[in-house]
Amino acid sequence: VFEPFGMKHSSYRWRPEYDSIAADGYTAELENGGKASRNTDNAAFTFRTNVRDFSKFLDALMEGKGLSAETFQAMMTPYRALDTEGMFFGLGIRLTPTASNWSPIWSHSGSNRNFRCKFWVFPNKKSYLIYFTNSANGAGSTRKKLLKVFVPDYDCADL
């Protein structure tokens, strides 16, 4: 994915240049927890990127480019219902097919030590929101407030 989409600043492995450019993460008590570099590569929790690179991935996802039709369909197929009515997990993505006039909504979140992130894709609106923080407090009400600025009439049911 990184090479075809031109994601030159993304990796699953800690790179030496990250020592000088990566943000420190902060605990819930506002203590500096460092950069959270790891020596082990793991697709589930060592992904390093920036908003510009990640936007390239979401642009391709929203346009259906870079994936075979079969792979795209597999990602967007609801495989498991969530506790919240009308929400499902596809392959690596949360699907909210009928929540509002913003539907469908595709999203995914991450929590890695003192870092929190989430993205929402609104394919029918041709827009998305990427949210990265370097704080263990970077979820919850912060997400809802940010989403309300971006999408004022969205009910935030997927939070």
N, C-alpha and C. Protein backbone atom coordinates (compact mmCIF):
# COMPACT_ATOMS: atom_id res chain seq x y z
N VAL A 1 0.83 -1.19 0.00
CA VAL A 1 0.00 0.00 0.00
C VAL A 1 0.87 1.25 0.00
N PHE A 2 1.95 1.26 0.78
CA PHE A 2 2.75 2.47 0.91
C PHE A 2 3.35 2.90 -0.43
N GLU A 3 3.95 1.99 -1.15
CA GLU A 3 4.60 2.35 -2.42
C GLU A 3 3.61 2.78 -3.50
N PRO A 4 2.56 1.98 -3.79
CA PRO A 4 1.63 2.39 -4.85
C PRO A 4 0.94 3.73 -4.59
N PHE A 5 0.68 4.04 -3.33
CA PHE A 5 -0.02 5.28 -2.99
C PHE A 5 0.93 6.43 -2.70
N GLY A 6 2.24 6.19 -2.79
CA GLY A 6 3.21 7.25 -2.55
C GLY A 6 3.28 7.69 -1.10
N MET A 7 3.07 6.75 -0.19
CA MET A 7 3.10 7.05 1.25
C MET A 7 4.54 6.91 1.75
N LYS A 8 5.36 7.88 1.41
CA LYS A 8 6.80 7.82 1.68
C LYS A 8 7.17 7.98 3.14
N HIS A 9 6.26 8.49 3.94
CA HIS A 9 6.56 8.75 5.35
C HIS A 9 5.82 7.79 6.28
N SER A 10 5.38 6.66 5.74
CA SER A 10 4.63 5.68 6.52
C SER A 10 5.40 4.37 6.61
N SER A 11 5.28 3.71 7.76
CA SER A 11 6.01 2.48 7.97
C SER A 11 5.41 1.71 9.14
N TYR A 12 5.65 0.41 9.17
CA TYR A 12 5.33 -0.40 10.34
C TYR A 12 6.56 -0.57 11.22
N ARG A 13 7.67 -0.07 10.77
CA ARG A 13 8.94 -0.17 11.49
C ARG A 13 9.40 1.23 11.89
N TRP A 14 9.91 1.36 13.10
CA TRP A 14 10.46 2.63 13.55
C TRP A 14 11.68 2.96 12.71
N ARG A 15 11.70 4.15 12.16
CA ARG A 15 12.82 4.60 11.33
C ARG A 15 13.67 5.60 12.12
N PRO A 16 14.97 5.66 11.84
CA PRO A 16 15.84 6.60 12.56
C PRO A 16 15.36 8.05 12.48
N GLU A 17 14.80 8.47 11.34
CA GLU A 17 14.35 9.87 11.23
C GLU A 17 13.18 10.19 12.16
N TYR A 18 12.46 9.16 12.62
CA TYR A 18 11.36 9.41 13.55
C TYR A 18 11.85 9.95 14.88
N ASP A 19 13.11 9.64 15.24
CA ASP A 19 13.65 10.14 16.51
C ASP A 19 13.55 11.66 16.60
N SER A 20 13.68 12.35 15.47
CA SER A 20 13.67 13.81 15.50
C SER A 20 12.34 14.43 15.09
N ILE A 21 11.44 13.65 14.48
CA ILE A 21 10.19 14.27 14.00
C ILE A 21 8.93 13.74 14.68
N ALA A 22 8.99 12.58 15.32
CA ALA A 22 7.80 12.01 15.94
C ALA A 22 7.42 12.76 17.21
N ALA A 23 6.13 12.86 17.45
CA ALA A 23 5.63 13.52 18.66
C ALA A 23 5.77 12.62 19.87
N ASP A 24 5.96 13.22 21.01
CA ASP A 24 5.89 12.48 22.27
C ASP A 24 4.42 12.30 22.62
N GLY A 25 4.10 11.19 23.27
CA GLY A 25 2.75 10.95 23.73
C GLY A 25 2.62 11.30 25.20
N TYR A 26 1.43 11.72 25.60
CA TYR A 26 1.20 12.14 26.98
C TYR A 26 0.16 11.25 27.64
N THR A 27 0.43 10.88 28.87
CA THR A 27 -0.46 10.01 29.63
C THR A 27 -1.73 10.76 30.01
N ALA A 28 -2.68 10.05 30.58
CA ALA A 28 -3.92 10.67 31.05
C ALA A 28 -3.63 11.69 32.16
N GLU A 29 -2.50 11.53 32.83
CA GLU A 29 -2.10 12.46 33.90
C GLU A 29 -1.22 13.58 33.36
N LEU A 30 -1.12 13.69 32.03
CA LEU A 30 -0.35 14.72 31.33
C LEU A 30 1.16 14.60 31.53
N GLU A 31 1.64 13.41 31.78
CA GLU A 31 3.07 13.15 31.87
C GLU A 31 3.58 12.72 30.51
N ASN A 32 4.78 13.16 30.16
CA ASN A 32 5.38 12.79 28.89
C ASN A 32 5.74 11.32 28.90
N GLY A 33 5.16 10.57 27.99
CA GLY A 33 5.40 9.14 27.89
C GLY A 33 6.37 8.77 26.78
N GLY A 34 6.98 9.76 26.12
CA GLY A 34 7.94 9.48 25.06
C GLY A 34 7.28 9.18 23.72
N LYS A 35 8.11 8.75 22.80
CA LYS A 35 7.67 8.53 21.42
C LYS A 35 7.03 7.16 21.18
N ALA A 36 7.11 6.28 22.14
CA ALA A 36 6.53 4.94 22.02
C ALA A 36 7.10 4.17 20.84
N SER A 37 8.40 4.32 20.61
CA SER A 37 9.04 3.54 19.55
C SER A 37 9.09 2.08 19.98
N ARG A 38 9.02 1.20 19.02
CA ARG A 38 9.05 -0.24 19.29
C ARG A 38 10.07 -0.89 18.36
N ASN A 39 10.65 -1.95 18.84
CA ASN A 39 11.58 -2.70 18.00
C ASN A 39 10.89 -3.78 17.19
N THR A 40 9.68 -4.15 17.57
CA THR A 40 8.94 -5.20 16.91
C THR A 40 7.96 -4.60 15.91
N ASP A 41 7.93 -5.14 14.70
CA ASP A 41 6.97 -4.69 13.69
C ASP A 41 5.68 -5.49 13.87
N ASN A 42 4.54 -4.81 13.84
CA ASN A 42 3.27 -5.48 14.00
C ASN A 42 2.20 -4.63 13.34
N ALA A 43 1.52 -5.18 12.36
CA ALA A 43 0.52 -4.42 11.62
C ALA A 43 -0.62 -3.92 12.50
N ALA A 44 -0.85 -4.56 13.65
CA ALA A 44 -1.95 -4.15 14.51
C ALA A 44 -1.63 -2.92 15.35
N PHE A 45 -0.34 -2.64 15.61
CA PHE A 45 -0.09 -1.51 16.50
C PHE A 45 1.22 -0.75 16.29
N THR A 46 1.91 -0.96 15.19
CA THR A 46 3.14 -0.18 15.00
C THR A 46 3.09 0.71 13.76
N PHE A 47 1.93 0.94 13.21
CA PHE A 47 1.79 1.79 12.02
C PHE A 47 2.15 3.23 12.36
N ARG A 48 3.10 3.78 11.64
CA ARG A 48 3.52 5.18 11.80
C ARG A 48 3.22 5.91 10.50
N THR A 49 2.56 7.06 10.61
CA THR A 49 2.23 7.83 9.42
C THR A 49 1.99 9.28 9.81
N ASN A 50 1.63 10.07 8.83
CA ASN A 50 1.21 11.45 9.08
C ASN A 50 -0.08 11.68 8.32
N VAL A 51 -0.71 12.82 8.54
CA VAL A 51 -2.01 13.07 7.92
C VAL A 51 -1.91 13.12 6.40
N ARG A 52 -0.85 13.71 5.88
CA ARG A 52 -0.72 13.80 4.41
C ARG A 52 -0.64 12.41 3.78
N ASP A 53 0.19 11.54 4.33
CA ASP A 53 0.29 10.19 3.80
C ASP A 53 -1.03 9.43 3.98
N PHE A 54 -1.62 9.53 5.15
CA PHE A 54 -2.85 8.78 5.41
C PHE A 54 -3.98 9.25 4.51
N SER A 55 -3.98 10.54 4.16
CA SER A 55 -4.98 11.07 3.22
C SER A 55 -4.90 10.36 1.87
N LYS A 56 -3.70 10.01 1.45
CA LYS A 56 -3.54 9.31 0.17
C LYS A 56 -4.27 7.96 0.21
N PHE A 57 -4.16 7.28 1.34
CA PHE A 57 -4.85 6.00 1.49
C PHE A 57 -6.37 6.21 1.47
N LEU A 58 -6.87 7.20 2.23
CA LEU A 58 -8.32 7.42 2.28
C LEU A 58 -8.87 7.91 0.95
N ASP A 59 -8.09 8.72 0.21
CA ASP A 59 -8.51 9.13 -1.13
C ASP A 59 -8.73 7.90 -2.00
N ALA A 60 -7.78 6.97 -1.97
CA ALA A 60 -7.88 5.76 -2.78
C ALA A 60 -9.06 4.89 -2.32
N LEU A 61 -9.23 4.76 -1.01
CA LEU A 61 -10.35 3.97 -0.49
C LEU A 61 -11.69 4.57 -0.93
N MET A 62 -11.81 5.87 -0.80
CA MET A 62 -13.07 6.53 -1.15
C MET A 62 -13.37 6.42 -2.65
N GLU A 63 -12.33 6.45 -3.46
CA GLU A 63 -12.51 6.35 -4.91
C GLU A 63 -12.53 4.91 -5.39
N GLY A 64 -12.28 3.96 -4.49
CA GLY A 64 -12.25 2.54 -4.88
C GLY A 64 -11.05 2.19 -5.72
N LYS A 65 -9.95 2.91 -5.54
CA LYS A 65 -8.74 2.66 -6.33
C LYS A 65 -7.71 1.92 -5.48
N GLY A 66 -6.86 1.15 -6.17
CA GLY A 66 -5.76 0.49 -5.49
C GLY A 66 -6.11 -0.85 -4.88
N LEU A 67 -7.38 -1.21 -4.89
CA LEU A 67 -7.82 -2.51 -4.40
C LEU A 67 -8.62 -3.19 -5.49
N SER A 68 -8.52 -4.51 -5.55
CA SER A 68 -9.36 -5.21 -6.51
C SER A 68 -10.82 -5.05 -6.08
N ALA A 69 -11.71 -5.23 -7.02
CA ALA A 69 -13.14 -5.13 -6.71
C ALA A 69 -13.53 -6.14 -5.63
N GLU A 70 -12.92 -7.32 -5.69
CA GLU A 70 -13.23 -8.37 -4.71
C GLU A 70 -12.75 -7.97 -3.31
N THR A 71 -11.55 -7.40 -3.22
CA THR A 71 -11.03 -6.98 -1.92
C THR A 71 -11.85 -5.84 -1.35
N PHE A 72 -12.18 -4.87 -2.19
CA PHE A 72 -13.01 -3.75 -1.74
C PHE A 72 -14.35 -4.26 -1.23
N GLN A 73 -14.97 -5.16 -1.96
CA GLN A 73 -16.26 -5.72 -1.55
C GLN A 73 -16.13 -6.47 -0.23
N ALA A 74 -15.05 -7.22 -0.06
CA ALA A 74 -14.84 -7.94 1.20
C ALA A 74 -14.69 -6.98 2.37
N MET A 75 -13.99 -5.86 2.16
CA MET A 75 -13.84 -4.87 3.23
C MET A 75 -15.18 -4.28 3.63
N MET A 76 -16.05 -4.06 2.66
CA MET A 76 -17.31 -3.36 2.90
C MET A 76 -18.48 -4.29 3.21
N THR A 77 -18.23 -5.57 3.34
CA THR A 77 -19.27 -6.53 3.70
C THR A 77 -19.39 -6.59 5.22
N PRO A 78 -20.59 -6.38 5.77
CA PRO A 78 -20.76 -6.48 7.22
C PRO A 78 -20.59 -7.92 7.69
N TYR A 79 -19.55 -8.17 8.48
CA TYR A 79 -19.27 -9.52 8.97
C TYR A 79 -19.75 -9.74 10.39
N ARG A 80 -19.75 -8.67 11.19
CA ARG A 80 -20.15 -8.83 12.59
C ARG A 80 -20.89 -7.58 13.04
N ALA A 81 -22.07 -7.79 13.60
CA ALA A 81 -22.85 -6.67 14.13
C ALA A 81 -22.23 -6.19 15.44
N LEU A 82 -22.26 -4.89 15.66
CA LEU A 82 -21.77 -4.31 16.91
C LEU A 82 -22.93 -4.12 17.87
N ASP A 83 -22.62 -3.80 19.10
CA ASP A 83 -23.68 -3.59 20.10
C ASP A 83 -24.58 -2.41 19.75
N THR A 84 -24.02 -1.42 19.04
CA THR A 84 -24.82 -0.27 18.62
C THR A 84 -25.60 -0.66 17.37
N GLU A 85 -26.91 -0.49 17.41
CA GLU A 85 -27.76 -0.89 16.30
C GLU A 85 -27.36 -0.22 15.00
N GLY A 86 -27.30 -0.98 13.94
CA GLY A 86 -27.00 -0.45 12.62
C GLY A 86 -25.52 -0.29 12.33
N MET A 87 -24.66 -0.82 13.20
CA MET A 87 -23.21 -0.72 12.98
C MET A 87 -22.62 -2.12 12.90
N PHE A 88 -21.60 -2.25 12.03
CA PHE A 88 -21.01 -3.55 11.77
C PHE A 88 -19.50 -3.39 11.60
N PHE A 89 -18.80 -4.51 11.72
CA PHE A 89 -17.40 -4.56 11.32
C PHE A 89 -17.32 -5.24 9.97
N GLY A 90 -16.60 -4.61 9.05
CA GLY A 90 -16.19 -5.26 7.82
C GLY A 90 -14.78 -5.77 8.07
N LEU A 91 -13.96 -5.84 7.05
CA LEU A 91 -12.56 -6.25 7.22
C LEU A 91 -11.71 -5.02 7.47
N GLY A 92 -11.36 -4.79 8.73
CA GLY A 92 -10.51 -3.66 9.09
C GLY A 92 -11.21 -2.32 9.10
N ILE A 93 -12.51 -2.32 9.05
CA ILE A 93 -13.23 -1.06 8.98
C ILE A 93 -14.60 -1.21 9.65
N ARG A 94 -15.04 -0.14 10.29
CA ARG A 94 -16.38 -0.12 10.89
C ARG A 94 -17.33 0.46 9.85
N LEU A 95 -18.47 -0.17 9.70
CA LEU A 95 -19.46 0.23 8.71
C LEU A 95 -20.72 0.70 9.40
N THR A 96 -21.16 1.89 9.06
CA THR A 96 -22.42 2.42 9.55
C THR A 96 -23.24 2.75 8.30
N PRO A 97 -24.01 1.78 7.81
CA PRO A 97 -24.66 1.97 6.51
C PRO A 97 -25.83 2.95 6.49
N THR A 98 -26.58 3.11 7.59
CA THR A 98 -27.81 3.90 7.52
C THR A 98 -28.02 4.81 8.71
N ALA A 99 -26.98 5.39 9.29
CA ALA A 99 -27.12 6.18 10.51
C ALA A 99 -27.78 7.54 10.29
N SER A 100 -27.56 8.15 9.15
CA SER A 100 -28.05 9.51 8.93
C SER A 100 -27.95 9.86 7.45
N ASN A 101 -28.20 11.11 7.15
CA ASN A 101 -28.04 11.54 5.76
C ASN A 101 -26.56 11.57 5.35
N TRP A 102 -25.66 11.30 6.29
CA TRP A 102 -24.23 11.21 5.98
C TRP A 102 -23.83 9.79 5.63
N SER A 103 -24.74 8.86 5.69
CA SER A 103 -24.43 7.44 5.47
C SER A 103 -24.21 7.14 4.00
N PRO A 104 -23.47 6.10 3.72
CA PRO A 104 -22.79 5.25 4.68
C PRO A 104 -21.57 5.97 5.27
N ILE A 105 -21.14 5.47 6.41
CA ILE A 105 -19.94 6.00 7.06
C ILE A 105 -19.00 4.84 7.30
N TRP A 106 -17.75 5.03 6.91
CA TRP A 106 -16.71 4.05 7.17
C TRP A 106 -15.76 4.66 8.18
N SER A 107 -15.36 3.90 9.17
CA SER A 107 -14.45 4.46 10.16
C SER A 107 -13.55 3.39 10.74
N HIS A 108 -12.53 3.86 11.40
CA HIS A 108 -11.60 2.98 12.11
C HIS A 108 -10.88 3.82 13.14
N SER A 109 -10.60 3.25 14.29
CA SER A 109 -9.89 4.00 15.33
C SER A 109 -8.69 3.20 15.80
N GLY A 110 -7.81 3.89 16.48
CA GLY A 110 -6.63 3.25 17.04
C GLY A 110 -6.29 3.84 18.38
N SER A 111 -5.73 3.01 19.23
CA SER A 111 -5.30 3.42 20.56
C SER A 111 -3.99 2.70 20.83
N ASN A 112 -2.92 3.44 20.90
CA ASN A 112 -1.60 2.85 21.07
C ASN A 112 -0.85 3.63 22.13
N ARG A 113 -0.83 3.09 23.32
CA ARG A 113 -0.23 3.76 24.47
C ARG A 113 -0.84 5.14 24.64
N ASN A 114 -0.07 6.18 24.43
CA ASN A 114 -0.56 7.54 24.67
C ASN A 114 -0.93 8.26 23.37
N PHE A 115 -1.36 7.51 22.41
CA PHE A 115 -1.76 8.08 21.12
C PHE A 115 -3.15 7.56 20.77
N ARG A 116 -4.00 8.42 20.23
CA ARG A 116 -5.35 8.04 19.81
C ARG A 116 -5.60 8.60 18.42
N CYS A 117 -6.34 7.83 17.61
CA CYS A 117 -6.66 8.31 16.27
C CYS A 117 -7.99 7.72 15.83
N LYS A 118 -8.54 8.34 14.82
CA LYS A 118 -9.75 7.81 14.19
C LYS A 118 -9.91 8.49 12.84
N PHE A 119 -10.53 7.78 11.93
CA PHE A 119 -10.95 8.43 10.69
C PHE A 119 -12.39 8.08 10.43
N TRP A 120 -13.06 8.98 9.76
CA TRP A 120 -14.42 8.78 9.26
C TRP A 120 -14.40 9.11 7.78
N VAL A 121 -14.94 8.24 6.97
CA VAL A 121 -15.09 8.49 5.54
C VAL A 121 -16.57 8.58 5.25
N PHE A 122 -16.95 9.63 4.54
CA PHE A 122 -18.33 9.85 4.11
C PHE A 122 -18.32 9.78 2.59
N PRO A 123 -18.35 8.57 2.01
CA PRO A 123 -18.14 8.42 0.57
C PRO A 123 -19.17 9.16 -0.28
N ASN A 124 -20.42 9.22 0.15
CA ASN A 124 -21.43 9.93 -0.65
C ASN A 124 -21.22 11.43 -0.64
N LYS A 125 -20.53 11.94 0.36
CA LYS A 125 -20.23 13.37 0.45
C LYS A 125 -18.84 13.69 -0.09
N LYS A 126 -18.12 12.63 -0.49
CA LYS A 126 -16.74 12.79 -1.01
C LYS A 126 -15.87 13.55 0.00
N SER A 127 -15.98 13.16 1.26
CA SER A 127 -15.17 13.82 2.28
C SER A 127 -14.80 12.83 3.38
N TYR A 128 -13.81 13.20 4.15
CA TYR A 128 -13.40 12.40 5.29
C TYR A 128 -12.75 13.30 6.32
N LEU A 129 -12.63 12.76 7.52
CA LEU A 129 -11.97 13.45 8.62
C LEU A 129 -10.97 12.49 9.23
N ILE A 130 -9.74 12.96 9.39
CA ILE A 130 -8.68 12.19 10.05
C ILE A 130 -8.36 12.91 11.34
N TYR A 131 -8.23 12.15 12.40
CA TYR A 131 -8.03 12.70 13.73
C TYR A 131 -6.88 11.95 14.40
N PHE A 132 -5.76 12.60 14.62
CA PHE A 132 -4.61 12.01 15.33
C PHE A 132 -4.34 12.84 16.58
N THR A 133 -4.09 12.21 17.70
CA THR A 133 -3.66 12.93 18.89
C THR A 133 -2.47 12.23 19.53
N ASN A 134 -1.75 12.96 20.33
CA ASN A 134 -0.64 12.38 21.08
C ASN A 134 -0.95 12.44 22.58
N SER A 135 -2.16 12.03 22.92
CA SER A 135 -2.60 12.06 24.31
C SER A 135 -3.51 10.88 24.61
N ALA A 136 -3.30 10.28 25.76
CA ALA A 136 -4.21 9.22 26.22
C ALA A 136 -5.61 9.78 26.45
N ASN A 137 -5.73 11.10 26.56
CA ASN A 137 -7.03 11.75 26.72
C ASN A 137 -7.64 12.14 25.38
N GLY A 138 -7.08 11.68 24.28
CA GLY A 138 -7.49 12.14 22.96
C GLY A 138 -8.67 11.44 22.35
N ALA A 139 -9.51 10.84 23.16
CA ALA A 139 -10.69 10.16 22.61
C ALA A 139 -11.94 10.73 23.28
N GLY A 140 -13.00 9.98 23.28
CA GLY A 140 -14.21 10.37 23.99
C GLY A 140 -14.82 11.67 23.52
N SER A 141 -15.02 12.59 24.45
CA SER A 141 -15.72 13.84 24.13
C SER A 141 -14.95 14.68 23.12
N THR A 142 -13.64 14.54 23.08
CA THR A 142 -12.84 15.29 22.10
C THR A 142 -13.25 14.93 20.69
N ARG A 143 -13.42 13.63 20.44
CA ARG A 143 -13.84 13.18 19.11
C ARG A 143 -15.19 13.76 18.73
N LYS A 144 -16.12 13.69 19.66
CA LYS A 144 -17.48 14.17 19.37
C LYS A 144 -17.47 15.65 19.05
N LYS A 145 -16.72 16.44 19.82
CA LYS A 145 -16.65 17.88 19.58
C LYS A 145 -16.05 18.17 18.21
N LEU A 146 -14.99 17.47 17.87
CA LEU A 146 -14.35 17.68 16.57
C LEU A 146 -15.28 17.30 15.44
N LEU A 147 -15.93 16.17 15.55
CA LEU A 147 -16.84 15.73 14.51
C LEU A 147 -18.01 16.69 14.34
N LYS A 148 -18.49 17.24 15.43
CA LYS A 148 -19.60 18.21 15.35
C LYS A 148 -19.20 19.48 14.61
N VAL A 149 -17.93 19.87 14.69
CA VAL A 149 -17.44 21.02 13.93
C VAL A 149 -17.42 20.68 12.44
N PHE A 150 -16.93 19.49 12.12
CA PHE A 150 -16.79 19.06 10.74
C PHE A 150 -18.14 18.73 10.11
N VAL A 151 -19.01 18.08 10.87
CA VAL A 151 -20.31 17.61 10.37
C VAL A 151 -21.38 18.02 11.38
N PRO A 152 -21.80 19.30 11.38
CA PRO A 152 -22.70 19.80 12.43
C PRO A 152 -24.02 19.05 12.57
N ASP A 153 -24.56 18.52 11.48
CA ASP A 153 -25.86 17.86 11.57
C ASP A 153 -25.76 16.35 11.75
N TYR A 154 -24.56 15.85 11.99
CA TYR A 154 -24.39 14.40 12.22
C TYR A 154 -24.61 14.09 13.69
N ASP A 155 -25.32 13.01 13.99
CA ASP A 155 -25.69 12.70 15.37
C ASP A 155 -24.58 12.01 16.17
N CYS A 156 -23.46 11.71 15.56
CA CYS A 156 -22.31 11.09 16.23
C CYS A 156 -22.64 9.73 16.82
N ALA A 157 -23.58 9.01 16.25
CA ALA A 157 -23.99 7.71 16.78
C ALA A 157 -22.86 6.68 16.72
N ASP A 158 -21.88 6.88 15.86
CA ASP A 158 -20.81 5.88 15.74
C ASP A 158 -19.70 6.07 16.75
N LEU A 159 -19.85 6.99 17.68
CA LEU A 159 -18.81 7.19 18.69
C LEU A 159 -19.08 6.31 19.87
